[in-house]
Amino acid sequence: MGTKVNGGNKPAYINYLITNLQCHANLIYIFKMFYFLAYVQEIGRGGRDGSPCTAMMYWAPADVSSNVPHMTQAMRDYVKSTECRRKFLIDHFGGPKADNDPDPRHCCDICSGSEEDSSDGEATTKYPACNKKVIQIIDCFLTQYFDTENTKIASPYPASISLLSPSLRKEISEAYTRFMSVENLMEKYPNLASEHCHNIVAIINSYVSSLN
């Protein structure tokens, strides 16, 4: 497991190489990306060795609002897009349409259903049952995310404000298949911020879908 964090407004990313399950790199963006081209170049680093890579960006509406200086409109449009992100990339850079569409589970968060849960219940059957190794990996990802959110709070006890505590992380990790939809997570933990719920579900779905 390797970690690299840049200071200031530059993107910070944590790069995990998981060898006990399969080779898979994960780029996790914590700080804002202002330039769309720079973001695309950054996420390309994860697949340089030919292995699968999942790029995860955590964001809130305020991060891409129109009054954020120096952010390009393309970056805002990409983050807020409701269509396939792969298609967005191809259309933006004028690339040719692929002959074969990829498996939706391996395409993007929108195609895989990470953004919206399927109403027919089929989405949950695509994922493996809980197992100890996957629980450990998800717990590691959630630890990074919880710590990042809690460091934003000016309090000696930030988890008491954000509710992103070690016990919550443990509960979610050990029952991750239950919390692969925002609706289920918010139903179980109604006091959690909506932004946190969406990011937690995105983390779980992104990793679980990479195993298929």
N, C-alpha and C. Protein backbone atom coordinates (compact mmCIF):
# COMPACT_ATOMS: atom_id res chain seq x y z
N MET A 1 0.86 -1.19 0.00
CA MET A 1 0.00 0.00 0.00
C MET A 1 0.89 1.23 0.00
N GLY A 2 0.71 2.08 -0.97
CA GLY A 2 1.50 3.31 -1.05
C GLY A 2 0.61 4.51 -0.93
N THR A 3 1.15 5.56 -0.36
CA THR A 3 0.38 6.79 -0.16
C THR A 3 1.19 8.00 -0.58
N LYS A 4 0.57 8.90 -1.32
CA LYS A 4 1.21 10.16 -1.69
C LYS A 4 0.20 11.27 -1.52
N VAL A 5 0.59 12.30 -0.80
CA VAL A 5 -0.32 13.42 -0.58
C VAL A 5 0.42 14.71 -0.90
N ASN A 6 -0.17 15.53 -1.77
CA ASN A 6 0.40 16.83 -2.10
C ASN A 6 -0.30 17.89 -1.28
N GLY A 7 0.39 18.97 -0.96
CA GLY A 7 -0.19 20.02 -0.14
C GLY A 7 -0.95 21.05 -0.94
N GLY A 8 -1.50 22.02 -0.22
CA GLY A 8 -2.21 23.13 -0.86
C GLY A 8 -3.46 22.68 -1.56
N ASN A 9 -3.73 23.29 -2.72
CA ASN A 9 -4.92 22.94 -3.48
C ASN A 9 -4.65 21.86 -4.51
N LYS A 10 -3.44 21.32 -4.51
CA LYS A 10 -3.14 20.26 -5.45
C LYS A 10 -3.85 18.99 -5.03
N PRO A 11 -4.15 18.09 -5.98
CA PRO A 11 -4.91 16.89 -5.63
C PRO A 11 -4.10 15.97 -4.73
N ALA A 12 -4.79 15.39 -3.76
CA ALA A 12 -4.15 14.39 -2.91
C ALA A 12 -4.73 13.05 -3.30
N TYR A 13 -3.91 12.05 -3.38
CA TYR A 13 -4.45 10.75 -3.71
C TYR A 13 -3.76 9.67 -2.91
N ILE A 14 -4.51 8.63 -2.59
CA ILE A 14 -3.98 7.47 -1.92
C ILE A 14 -4.06 6.32 -2.89
N ASN A 15 -2.96 5.69 -3.17
CA ASN A 15 -2.91 4.64 -4.18
C ASN A 15 -2.68 3.30 -3.50
N TYR A 16 -3.64 2.40 -3.62
CA TYR A 16 -3.55 1.10 -2.98
C TYR A 16 -3.27 0.02 -4.03
N LEU A 17 -2.30 -0.81 -3.78
CA LEU A 17 -2.06 -1.97 -4.63
C LEU A 17 -2.41 -3.19 -3.80
N ILE A 18 -3.50 -3.83 -4.14
CA ILE A 18 -4.00 -4.94 -3.35
C ILE A 18 -3.55 -6.24 -4.00
N THR A 19 -2.66 -6.93 -3.36
CA THR A 19 -2.09 -8.14 -3.96
C THR A 19 -2.66 -9.43 -3.38
N ASN A 20 -3.32 -9.34 -2.20
CA ASN A 20 -3.83 -10.57 -1.62
C ASN A 20 -5.14 -11.02 -2.27
N LEU A 21 -5.81 -10.09 -2.97
CA LEU A 21 -7.02 -10.45 -3.70
C LEU A 21 -6.77 -10.44 -5.20
N GLN A 22 -6.29 -9.33 -5.71
CA GLN A 22 -5.96 -9.18 -7.12
C GLN A 22 -5.23 -7.85 -7.25
N CYS A 23 -4.53 -7.67 -8.34
CA CYS A 23 -3.84 -6.40 -8.56
C CYS A 23 -4.88 -5.36 -8.99
N HIS A 24 -5.02 -4.35 -8.20
CA HIS A 24 -6.00 -3.32 -8.53
C HIS A 24 -5.58 -2.03 -7.85
N ALA A 25 -5.46 -0.98 -8.62
CA ALA A 25 -5.05 0.31 -8.06
C ALA A 25 -6.28 1.17 -7.85
N ASN A 26 -6.27 1.95 -6.80
CA ASN A 26 -7.37 2.86 -6.51
C ASN A 26 -6.81 4.25 -6.26
N LEU A 27 -7.25 5.22 -7.05
CA LEU A 27 -6.86 6.61 -6.85
C LEU A 27 -8.01 7.31 -6.15
N ILE A 28 -7.74 7.85 -4.97
CA ILE A 28 -8.78 8.51 -4.20
C ILE A 28 -8.46 10.00 -4.13
N TYR A 29 -9.31 10.82 -4.73
CA TYR A 29 -9.08 12.27 -4.74
C TYR A 29 -9.83 12.92 -3.59
N ILE A 30 -9.08 13.64 -2.77
CA ILE A 30 -9.65 14.26 -1.58
C ILE A 30 -9.84 15.76 -1.80
N PHE A 31 -8.86 16.42 -2.39
CA PHE A 31 -8.95 17.85 -2.62
C PHE A 31 -9.52 18.14 -4.01
N LYS A 32 -9.84 19.38 -4.26
CA LYS A 32 -10.49 19.76 -5.51
C LYS A 32 -9.55 19.62 -6.70
N MET A 33 -10.13 19.19 -7.81
CA MET A 33 -9.45 19.24 -9.09
C MET A 33 -10.07 20.40 -9.87
N PHE A 34 -9.25 21.32 -10.34
CA PHE A 34 -9.77 22.51 -11.01
C PHE A 34 -9.81 22.35 -12.53
N TYR A 35 -8.90 21.55 -13.07
CA TYR A 35 -8.78 21.45 -14.52
C TYR A 35 -9.09 20.03 -14.97
N PHE A 36 -10.04 19.92 -15.89
CA PHE A 36 -10.50 18.61 -16.33
C PHE A 36 -9.37 17.80 -16.98
N LEU A 37 -8.59 18.44 -17.84
CA LEU A 37 -7.50 17.73 -18.49
C LEU A 37 -6.50 17.20 -17.47
N ALA A 38 -6.20 18.01 -16.45
CA ALA A 38 -5.26 17.59 -15.41
C ALA A 38 -5.81 16.39 -14.64
N TYR A 39 -7.12 16.39 -14.40
CA TYR A 39 -7.75 15.28 -13.69
C TYR A 39 -7.63 13.99 -14.50
N VAL A 40 -7.91 14.08 -15.80
CA VAL A 40 -7.83 12.90 -16.66
C VAL A 40 -6.40 12.36 -16.68
N GLN A 41 -5.43 13.25 -16.75
CA GLN A 41 -4.04 12.82 -16.73
C GLN A 41 -3.69 12.14 -15.41
N GLU A 42 -4.21 12.68 -14.30
CA GLU A 42 -3.93 12.10 -12.99
C GLU A 42 -4.51 10.70 -12.85
N ILE A 43 -5.76 10.50 -13.25
CA ILE A 43 -6.37 9.19 -13.07
C ILE A 43 -5.74 8.16 -13.99
N GLY A 44 -5.13 8.62 -15.08
CA GLY A 44 -4.44 7.69 -15.98
C GLY A 44 -3.23 7.04 -15.35
N ARG A 45 -2.71 7.63 -14.27
CA ARG A 45 -1.55 7.07 -13.60
C ARG A 45 -1.85 5.70 -13.00
N GLY A 46 -3.11 5.51 -12.62
CA GLY A 46 -3.47 4.27 -11.96
C GLY A 46 -3.40 3.05 -12.85
N GLY A 47 -3.50 3.24 -14.17
CA GLY A 47 -3.50 2.09 -15.07
C GLY A 47 -2.26 1.98 -15.92
N ARG A 48 -1.19 2.64 -15.53
CA ARG A 48 0.02 2.64 -16.36
C ARG A 48 0.63 1.26 -16.52
N ASP A 49 0.45 0.39 -15.50
CA ASP A 49 1.05 -0.94 -15.59
C ASP A 49 0.11 -1.93 -16.26
N GLY A 50 -1.03 -1.46 -16.76
CA GLY A 50 -1.98 -2.34 -17.45
C GLY A 50 -2.98 -3.00 -16.53
N SER A 51 -2.86 -2.78 -15.22
CA SER A 51 -3.80 -3.38 -14.27
C SER A 51 -5.07 -2.52 -14.17
N PRO A 52 -6.18 -3.13 -13.73
CA PRO A 52 -7.41 -2.34 -13.55
C PRO A 52 -7.20 -1.24 -12.52
N CYS A 53 -7.91 -0.15 -12.68
CA CYS A 53 -7.80 0.96 -11.73
C CYS A 53 -9.17 1.59 -11.52
N THR A 54 -9.45 1.97 -10.29
CA THR A 54 -10.68 2.68 -9.97
C THR A 54 -10.32 4.06 -9.43
N ALA A 55 -10.85 5.11 -10.03
CA ALA A 55 -10.62 6.48 -9.56
C ALA A 55 -11.86 6.94 -8.82
N MET A 56 -11.68 7.39 -7.59
CA MET A 56 -12.81 7.83 -6.77
C MET A 56 -12.60 9.28 -6.37
N MET A 57 -13.61 10.10 -6.60
CA MET A 57 -13.55 11.52 -6.22
C MET A 57 -14.68 11.81 -5.24
N TYR A 58 -14.34 12.39 -4.11
CA TYR A 58 -15.33 12.80 -3.13
C TYR A 58 -15.61 14.29 -3.32
N TRP A 59 -16.88 14.65 -3.42
CA TRP A 59 -17.19 16.05 -3.66
C TRP A 59 -18.54 16.40 -3.03
N ALA A 60 -18.71 17.69 -2.82
CA ALA A 60 -19.97 18.24 -2.35
C ALA A 60 -20.37 19.35 -3.32
N PRO A 61 -21.64 19.71 -3.39
CA PRO A 61 -22.07 20.77 -4.32
C PRO A 61 -21.25 22.05 -4.21
N ALA A 62 -20.83 22.40 -3.00
CA ALA A 62 -20.06 23.63 -2.83
C ALA A 62 -18.70 23.55 -3.52
N ASP A 63 -18.19 22.34 -3.72
CA ASP A 63 -16.87 22.17 -4.35
C ASP A 63 -16.87 22.57 -5.82
N VAL A 64 -18.03 22.46 -6.47
CA VAL A 64 -18.09 22.74 -7.91
C VAL A 64 -19.07 23.87 -8.22
N SER A 65 -19.35 24.71 -7.25
CA SER A 65 -20.27 25.83 -7.49
C SER A 65 -19.61 26.84 -8.42
N SER A 66 -20.44 27.67 -9.00
CA SER A 66 -19.96 28.62 -10.00
C SER A 66 -19.02 29.68 -9.44
N ASN A 67 -19.03 29.86 -8.11
CA ASN A 67 -18.16 30.89 -7.53
C ASN A 67 -16.80 30.34 -7.09
N VAL A 68 -16.52 29.08 -7.39
CA VAL A 68 -15.20 28.53 -7.08
C VAL A 68 -14.22 29.04 -8.14
N PRO A 69 -13.20 29.79 -7.74
CA PRO A 69 -12.27 30.35 -8.73
C PRO A 69 -11.39 29.30 -9.37
N HIS A 70 -11.01 29.55 -10.62
CA HIS A 70 -10.04 28.76 -11.37
C HIS A 70 -10.56 27.40 -11.84
N MET A 71 -11.77 27.02 -11.47
CA MET A 71 -12.27 25.72 -11.92
C MET A 71 -12.90 25.85 -13.30
N THR A 72 -12.53 24.95 -14.21
CA THR A 72 -13.07 24.99 -15.56
C THR A 72 -14.49 24.44 -15.57
N GLN A 73 -15.27 24.90 -16.54
CA GLN A 73 -16.65 24.43 -16.66
C GLN A 73 -16.70 22.95 -16.98
N ALA A 74 -15.72 22.47 -17.74
CA ALA A 74 -15.68 21.04 -18.07
C ALA A 74 -15.55 20.19 -16.81
N MET A 75 -14.76 20.67 -15.84
CA MET A 75 -14.61 19.93 -14.59
C MET A 75 -15.92 19.88 -13.84
N ARG A 76 -16.62 21.03 -13.80
CA ARG A 76 -17.93 21.07 -13.13
C ARG A 76 -18.92 20.13 -13.82
N ASP A 77 -18.95 20.19 -15.14
CA ASP A 77 -19.91 19.38 -15.89
C ASP A 77 -19.65 17.89 -15.70
N TYR A 78 -18.37 17.52 -15.65
CA TYR A 78 -18.02 16.11 -15.48
C TYR A 78 -18.47 15.60 -14.11
N VAL A 79 -18.17 16.38 -13.09
CA VAL A 79 -18.52 15.96 -11.72
C VAL A 79 -20.03 15.83 -11.56
N LYS A 80 -20.78 16.77 -12.13
CA LYS A 80 -22.23 16.79 -11.94
C LYS A 80 -22.98 16.01 -13.02
N SER A 81 -22.27 15.38 -13.93
CA SER A 81 -22.91 14.68 -15.04
C SER A 81 -23.79 13.53 -14.54
N THR A 82 -24.89 13.33 -15.22
CA THR A 82 -25.78 12.21 -14.90
C THR A 82 -25.74 11.15 -16.00
N GLU A 83 -24.89 11.37 -17.00
CA GLU A 83 -24.73 10.37 -18.05
C GLU A 83 -23.42 9.62 -17.84
N CYS A 84 -23.22 8.58 -18.62
CA CYS A 84 -22.02 7.75 -18.53
C CYS A 84 -20.76 8.61 -18.59
N ARG A 85 -19.88 8.45 -17.60
CA ARG A 85 -18.67 9.27 -17.56
C ARG A 85 -17.71 8.88 -18.67
N ARG A 86 -17.73 7.64 -19.07
CA ARG A 86 -16.89 7.21 -20.20
C ARG A 86 -17.32 7.93 -21.47
N LYS A 87 -18.63 8.00 -21.68
CA LYS A 87 -19.16 8.70 -22.85
C LYS A 87 -18.81 10.19 -22.77
N PHE A 88 -18.89 10.76 -21.57
CA PHE A 88 -18.54 12.17 -21.39
C PHE A 88 -17.10 12.41 -21.82
N LEU A 89 -16.19 11.55 -21.39
CA LEU A 89 -14.78 11.69 -21.75
C LEU A 89 -14.57 11.60 -23.26
N ILE A 90 -15.20 10.59 -23.87
CA ILE A 90 -15.05 10.40 -25.32
C ILE A 90 -15.59 11.60 -26.09
N ASP A 91 -16.77 12.07 -25.70
CA ASP A 91 -17.37 13.21 -26.39
C ASP A 91 -16.55 14.49 -26.19
N HIS A 92 -16.04 14.69 -24.99
CA HIS A 92 -15.29 15.91 -24.69
C HIS A 92 -14.00 15.99 -25.50
N PHE A 93 -13.31 14.87 -25.62
CA PHE A 93 -12.03 14.88 -26.32
C PHE A 93 -12.16 14.46 -27.79
N GLY A 94 -13.39 14.24 -28.24
CA GLY A 94 -13.61 13.93 -29.65
C GLY A 94 -13.11 12.57 -30.07
N GLY A 95 -13.11 11.62 -29.17
CA GLY A 95 -12.65 10.27 -29.48
C GLY A 95 -13.72 9.46 -30.18
N PRO A 96 -13.33 8.38 -30.86
CA PRO A 96 -14.31 7.52 -31.53
C PRO A 96 -15.06 6.66 -30.53
N LYS A 97 -16.29 6.35 -30.85
CA LYS A 97 -17.08 5.48 -29.99
C LYS A 97 -16.52 4.06 -30.06
N ALA A 98 -16.42 3.42 -28.92
CA ALA A 98 -15.89 2.05 -28.89
C ALA A 98 -16.86 1.10 -29.58
N ASP A 99 -16.30 0.06 -30.22
CA ASP A 99 -17.14 -0.91 -30.91
C ASP A 99 -18.02 -1.69 -29.93
N ASN A 100 -17.45 -2.02 -28.78
CA ASN A 100 -18.19 -2.78 -27.78
C ASN A 100 -18.28 -1.99 -26.49
N ASP A 101 -19.49 -1.82 -25.99
CA ASP A 101 -19.66 -1.14 -24.72
C ASP A 101 -19.14 -2.04 -23.60
N PRO A 102 -18.48 -1.47 -22.59
CA PRO A 102 -17.96 -2.29 -21.49
C PRO A 102 -19.07 -2.79 -20.58
N ASP A 103 -18.75 -3.78 -19.79
CA ASP A 103 -19.68 -4.25 -18.76
C ASP A 103 -20.03 -3.06 -17.88
N PRO A 104 -21.31 -2.74 -17.69
CA PRO A 104 -21.70 -1.58 -16.88
C PRO A 104 -21.07 -1.57 -15.50
N ARG A 105 -20.82 -2.76 -14.94
CA ARG A 105 -20.23 -2.83 -13.60
C ARG A 105 -18.80 -2.32 -13.59
N HIS A 106 -18.15 -2.33 -14.75
CA HIS A 106 -16.75 -1.93 -14.84
C HIS A 106 -16.58 -0.61 -15.58
N CYS A 107 -17.67 0.10 -15.83
CA CYS A 107 -17.60 1.32 -16.63
C CYS A 107 -17.41 2.55 -15.75
N CYS A 108 -18.43 2.94 -15.01
CA CYS A 108 -18.34 4.12 -14.15
C CYS A 108 -19.38 4.01 -13.05
N ASP A 109 -19.38 4.95 -12.12
CA ASP A 109 -20.29 4.89 -10.99
C ASP A 109 -21.75 4.99 -11.43
N ILE A 110 -22.01 5.74 -12.50
CA ILE A 110 -23.38 5.91 -12.96
C ILE A 110 -23.90 4.63 -13.62
N CYS A 111 -23.08 4.04 -14.50
CA CYS A 111 -23.49 2.82 -15.19
C CYS A 111 -23.61 1.63 -14.25
N SER A 112 -22.74 1.59 -13.22
CA SER A 112 -22.74 0.45 -12.30
C SER A 112 -23.84 0.55 -11.26
N GLY A 113 -24.49 1.74 -11.18
CA GLY A 113 -25.56 1.90 -10.22
C GLY A 113 -25.12 2.43 -8.89
N SER A 114 -23.86 2.93 -8.79
CA SER A 114 -23.40 3.49 -7.52
C SER A 114 -24.10 4.78 -7.19
N GLU A 115 -24.52 5.54 -8.22
CA GLU A 115 -25.19 6.80 -7.98
C GLU A 115 -26.65 6.60 -7.58
N GLU A 116 -27.30 5.61 -8.21
CA GLU A 116 -28.69 5.36 -7.90
C GLU A 116 -28.89 3.87 -7.75
N ASP A 117 -29.69 3.49 -6.78
CA ASP A 117 -29.95 2.09 -6.54
C ASP A 117 -31.05 1.61 -7.47
N SER A 118 -30.94 0.37 -7.93
CA SER A 118 -31.95 -0.20 -8.81
C SER A 118 -33.22 -0.49 -8.02
N SER A 119 -34.37 -0.11 -8.57
CA SER A 119 -35.62 -0.32 -7.86
C SER A 119 -36.10 -1.76 -7.92
N ASP A 120 -35.56 -2.56 -8.88
CA ASP A 120 -36.03 -3.93 -9.01
C ASP A 120 -35.23 -4.91 -8.13
N GLY A 121 -34.23 -4.40 -7.42
CA GLY A 121 -33.49 -5.24 -6.50
C GLY A 121 -32.40 -6.06 -7.12
N GLU A 122 -32.21 -6.00 -8.45
CA GLU A 122 -31.22 -6.81 -9.12
C GLU A 122 -29.81 -6.37 -8.82
N ALA A 123 -29.62 -5.07 -8.51
CA ALA A 123 -28.27 -4.55 -8.32
C ALA A 123 -27.53 -5.26 -7.19
N THR A 124 -28.27 -5.61 -6.13
CA THR A 124 -27.60 -6.23 -4.99
C THR A 124 -27.15 -7.65 -5.30
N THR A 125 -27.72 -8.31 -6.30
CA THR A 125 -27.33 -9.68 -6.60
C THR A 125 -26.04 -9.75 -7.41
N LYS A 126 -25.54 -8.62 -7.88
CA LYS A 126 -24.34 -8.60 -8.69
C LYS A 126 -23.07 -8.65 -7.84
N TYR A 127 -23.21 -8.45 -6.55
CA TYR A 127 -22.05 -8.30 -5.70
C TYR A 127 -21.85 -9.54 -4.83
N PRO A 128 -20.58 -9.81 -4.48
CA PRO A 128 -20.30 -10.99 -3.66
C PRO A 128 -20.76 -10.79 -2.23
N ALA A 129 -20.97 -11.90 -1.54
CA ALA A 129 -21.34 -11.83 -0.14
C ALA A 129 -20.17 -11.33 0.69
N CYS A 130 -20.48 -10.90 1.90
CA CYS A 130 -19.41 -10.40 2.77
C CYS A 130 -18.36 -11.47 3.03
N ASN A 131 -17.11 -11.09 2.97
CA ASN A 131 -16.04 -11.98 3.38
C ASN A 131 -14.98 -11.16 4.09
N LYS A 132 -14.15 -11.85 4.86
CA LYS A 132 -13.23 -11.17 5.77
C LYS A 132 -12.25 -10.28 5.04
N LYS A 133 -11.71 -10.73 3.90
CA LYS A 133 -10.72 -9.93 3.18
C LYS A 133 -11.32 -8.64 2.64
N VAL A 134 -12.51 -8.74 2.08
CA VAL A 134 -13.16 -7.56 1.53
C VAL A 134 -13.53 -6.59 2.65
N ILE A 135 -13.97 -7.11 3.77
CA ILE A 135 -14.29 -6.27 4.93
C ILE A 135 -13.06 -5.46 5.33
N GLN A 136 -11.90 -6.10 5.36
CA GLN A 136 -10.66 -5.43 5.76
C GLN A 136 -10.29 -4.31 4.80
N ILE A 137 -10.46 -4.55 3.50
CA ILE A 137 -10.12 -3.54 2.50
C ILE A 137 -11.08 -2.35 2.58
N ILE A 138 -12.38 -2.64 2.68
CA ILE A 138 -13.36 -1.56 2.78
C ILE A 138 -13.14 -0.77 4.06
N ASP A 139 -12.81 -1.45 5.14
CA ASP A 139 -12.51 -0.76 6.39
C ASP A 139 -11.33 0.19 6.23
N CYS A 140 -10.34 -0.24 5.44
CA CYS A 140 -9.17 0.61 5.18
C CYS A 140 -9.57 1.86 4.40
N PHE A 141 -10.39 1.69 3.36
CA PHE A 141 -10.85 2.84 2.58
C PHE A 141 -11.67 3.80 3.43
N LEU A 142 -12.57 3.24 4.23
CA LEU A 142 -13.42 4.10 5.06
C LEU A 142 -12.62 4.81 6.14
N THR A 143 -11.56 4.17 6.63
CA THR A 143 -10.69 4.83 7.60
C THR A 143 -10.08 6.09 7.00
N GLN A 144 -9.58 5.97 5.77
CA GLN A 144 -8.99 7.13 5.08
C GLN A 144 -10.04 8.22 4.88
N TYR A 145 -11.24 7.82 4.47
CA TYR A 145 -12.28 8.81 4.21
C TYR A 145 -12.75 9.48 5.50
N PHE A 146 -13.00 8.69 6.55
CA PHE A 146 -13.46 9.25 7.81
C PHE A 146 -12.42 10.22 8.38
N ASP A 147 -11.15 9.82 8.33
CA ASP A 147 -10.08 10.68 8.85
C ASP A 147 -10.02 11.99 8.08
N THR A 148 -10.18 11.90 6.75
CA THR A 148 -10.14 13.11 5.92
C THR A 148 -11.27 14.07 6.28
N GLU A 149 -12.47 13.54 6.44
CA GLU A 149 -13.60 14.39 6.79
C GLU A 149 -13.45 14.98 8.19
N ASN A 150 -12.96 14.18 9.11
CA ASN A 150 -12.85 14.65 10.50
C ASN A 150 -11.77 15.71 10.68
N THR A 151 -10.73 15.66 9.85
CA THR A 151 -9.68 16.68 9.97
C THR A 151 -10.17 18.06 9.52
N LYS A 152 -11.30 18.13 8.85
CA LYS A 152 -11.86 19.41 8.42
C LYS A 152 -12.58 20.13 9.56
N ILE A 153 -12.84 19.41 10.64
CA ILE A 153 -13.63 19.96 11.74
C ILE A 153 -12.72 20.46 12.84
N ALA A 154 -12.87 21.72 13.20
CA ALA A 154 -12.04 22.33 14.24
C ALA A 154 -12.60 22.00 15.61
N SER A 155 -12.33 20.79 16.04
CA SER A 155 -12.80 20.34 17.34
C SER A 155 -11.89 19.22 17.82
N PRO A 156 -11.66 19.13 19.13
CA PRO A 156 -10.85 18.02 19.64
C PRO A 156 -11.55 16.67 19.50
N TYR A 157 -12.86 16.69 19.30
CA TYR A 157 -13.64 15.47 19.13
C TYR A 157 -14.49 15.57 17.86
N PRO A 158 -13.87 15.58 16.69
CA PRO A 158 -14.61 15.80 15.44
C PRO A 158 -15.65 14.73 15.13
N ALA A 159 -15.37 13.50 15.55
CA ALA A 159 -16.31 12.42 15.25
C ALA A 159 -17.64 12.60 15.96
N SER A 160 -17.64 13.34 17.07
CA SER A 160 -18.90 13.60 17.77
C SER A 160 -19.78 14.56 16.99
N ILE A 161 -19.18 15.29 16.06
CA ILE A 161 -19.93 16.23 15.22
C ILE A 161 -20.29 15.58 13.88
N SER A 162 -19.31 14.94 13.25
CA SER A 162 -19.55 14.32 11.94
C SER A 162 -20.27 12.99 12.05
N LEU A 163 -20.15 12.36 13.22
CA LEU A 163 -20.68 11.01 13.49
C LEU A 163 -19.88 9.92 12.77
N LEU A 164 -18.77 10.31 12.14
CA LEU A 164 -17.93 9.34 11.43
C LEU A 164 -16.93 8.76 12.44
N SER A 165 -17.41 7.85 13.23
CA SER A 165 -16.62 7.28 14.32
C SER A 165 -16.06 5.91 13.93
N PRO A 166 -15.05 5.42 14.67
CA PRO A 166 -14.52 4.07 14.40
C PRO A 166 -15.58 2.98 14.54
N SER A 167 -16.49 3.14 15.50
CA SER A 167 -17.53 2.12 15.66
C SER A 167 -18.48 2.09 14.47
N LEU A 168 -18.80 3.27 13.92
CA LEU A 168 -19.65 3.32 12.73
C LEU A 168 -18.94 2.67 11.55
N ARG A 169 -17.66 3.01 11.39
CA ARG A 169 -16.87 2.42 10.30
C ARG A 169 -16.87 0.90 10.40
N LYS A 170 -16.71 0.37 11.59
CA LYS A 170 -16.68 -1.08 11.80
C LYS A 170 -18.02 -1.70 11.45
N GLU A 171 -19.12 -1.06 11.87
CA GLU A 171 -20.45 -1.58 11.59
C GLU A 171 -20.71 -1.64 10.08
N ILE A 172 -20.35 -0.56 9.38
CA ILE A 172 -20.60 -0.50 7.94
C ILE A 172 -19.72 -1.50 7.21
N SER A 173 -18.46 -1.59 7.56
CA SER A 173 -17.54 -2.49 6.88
C SER A 173 -17.96 -3.94 7.03
N GLU A 174 -18.38 -4.32 8.22
CA GLU A 174 -18.72 -5.71 8.49
C GLU A 174 -20.06 -6.12 7.88
N ALA A 175 -20.84 -5.14 7.42
CA ALA A 175 -22.12 -5.43 6.77
C ALA A 175 -22.21 -4.67 5.45
N TYR A 176 -21.08 -4.63 4.70
CA TYR A 176 -21.01 -3.74 3.53
C TYR A 176 -22.04 -4.07 2.47
N THR A 177 -22.44 -5.34 2.32
CA THR A 177 -23.43 -5.66 1.29
C THR A 177 -24.79 -5.05 1.59
N ARG A 178 -25.03 -4.77 2.83
CA ARG A 178 -26.30 -4.13 3.21
C ARG A 178 -26.32 -2.66 2.85
N PHE A 179 -25.12 -2.06 2.81
CA PHE A 179 -25.04 -0.61 2.62
C PHE A 179 -24.49 -0.22 1.25
N MET A 180 -24.95 -0.92 0.24
CA MET A 180 -24.54 -0.61 -1.13
C MET A 180 -25.54 0.32 -1.81
N SER A 181 -26.48 0.82 -1.04
CA SER A 181 -27.40 1.83 -1.55
C SER A 181 -27.51 2.95 -0.52
N VAL A 182 -27.63 4.16 -1.00
CA VAL A 182 -27.75 5.32 -0.12
C VAL A 182 -29.01 5.21 0.73
N GLU A 183 -30.07 4.71 0.14
CA GLU A 183 -31.34 4.59 0.86
C GLU A 183 -31.18 3.69 2.09
N ASN A 184 -30.51 2.55 1.94
CA ASN A 184 -30.33 1.64 3.07
C ASN A 184 -29.46 2.26 4.15
N LEU A 185 -28.41 2.96 3.73
CA LEU A 185 -27.51 3.56 4.71
C LEU A 185 -28.20 4.67 5.49
N MET A 186 -28.96 5.50 4.80
CA MET A 186 -29.65 6.62 5.47
C MET A 186 -30.79 6.11 6.35
N GLU A 187 -31.37 5.00 5.95
CA GLU A 187 -32.43 4.42 6.78
C GLU A 187 -31.87 3.91 8.10
N LYS A 188 -30.68 3.29 8.04
CA LYS A 188 -30.04 2.75 9.23
C LYS A 188 -29.44 3.87 10.09
N TYR A 189 -28.86 4.88 9.43
CA TYR A 189 -28.20 5.98 10.15
C TYR A 189 -28.77 7.32 9.68
N PRO A 190 -29.98 7.65 10.09
CA PRO A 190 -30.66 8.85 9.58
C PRO A 190 -29.98 10.16 9.95
N ASN A 191 -29.12 10.15 10.96
CA ASN A 191 -28.47 11.39 11.37
C ASN A 191 -27.18 11.68 10.62
N LEU A 192 -26.74 10.74 9.78
CA LEU A 192 -25.55 10.97 8.97
C LEU A 192 -25.84 11.99 7.88
N ALA A 193 -24.89 12.84 7.58
CA ALA A 193 -25.06 13.83 6.51
C ALA A 193 -25.23 13.11 5.17
N SER A 194 -26.10 13.65 4.35
CA SER A 194 -26.36 13.04 3.04
C SER A 194 -25.08 12.92 2.22
N GLU A 195 -24.24 13.95 2.27
CA GLU A 195 -22.97 13.93 1.53
C GLU A 195 -22.11 12.75 1.97
N HIS A 196 -22.03 12.51 3.27
CA HIS A 196 -21.24 11.40 3.78
C HIS A 196 -21.82 10.06 3.35
N CYS A 197 -23.14 9.95 3.38
CA CYS A 197 -23.79 8.70 2.96
C CYS A 197 -23.48 8.38 1.51
N HIS A 198 -23.57 9.37 0.64
CA HIS A 198 -23.29 9.15 -0.77
C HIS A 198 -21.83 8.74 -0.99
N ASN A 199 -20.91 9.35 -0.27
CA ASN A 199 -19.50 9.01 -0.43
C ASN A 199 -19.18 7.63 0.11
N ILE A 200 -19.78 7.25 1.22
CA ILE A 200 -19.55 5.93 1.79
C ILE A 200 -20.05 4.85 0.83
N VAL A 201 -21.23 5.05 0.29
CA VAL A 201 -21.79 4.07 -0.65
C VAL A 201 -20.93 4.00 -1.92
N ALA A 202 -20.45 5.15 -2.38
CA ALA A 202 -19.59 5.16 -3.57
C ALA A 202 -18.31 4.37 -3.33
N ILE A 203 -17.74 4.49 -2.15
CA ILE A 203 -16.52 3.76 -1.82
C ILE A 203 -16.78 2.26 -1.83
N ILE A 204 -17.86 1.85 -1.19
CA ILE A 204 -18.18 0.42 -1.12
C ILE A 204 -18.44 -0.14 -2.52
N ASN A 205 -19.30 0.53 -3.27
CA ASN A 205 -19.67 0.03 -4.59
C ASN A 205 -18.48 0.01 -5.54
N SER A 206 -17.65 1.03 -5.45
CA SER A 206 -16.51 1.11 -6.36
C SER A 206 -15.56 -0.07 -6.14
N TYR A 207 -15.30 -0.41 -4.90
CA TYR A 207 -14.38 -1.52 -4.64
C TYR A 207 -15.04 -2.86 -4.96
N VAL A 208 -16.26 -3.06 -4.52
CA VAL A 208 -16.93 -4.35 -4.73
C VAL A 208 -17.09 -4.63 -6.22
N SER A 209 -17.44 -3.60 -7.00
CA SER A 209 -17.62 -3.80 -8.43
C SER A 209 -16.31 -4.15 -9.12
N SER A 210 -15.18 -3.72 -8.53
CA SER A 210 -13.88 -4.03 -9.14
C SER A 210 -13.51 -5.49 -8.98
N LEU A 211 -14.20 -6.21 -8.11
CA LEU A 211 -13.91 -7.63 -7.90
C LEU A 211 -14.59 -8.53 -8.91
N ASN A 212 -15.58 -7.98 -9.63
CA ASN A 212 -16.33 -8.80 -10.58
C ASN A 212 -15.65 -8.89 -11.93
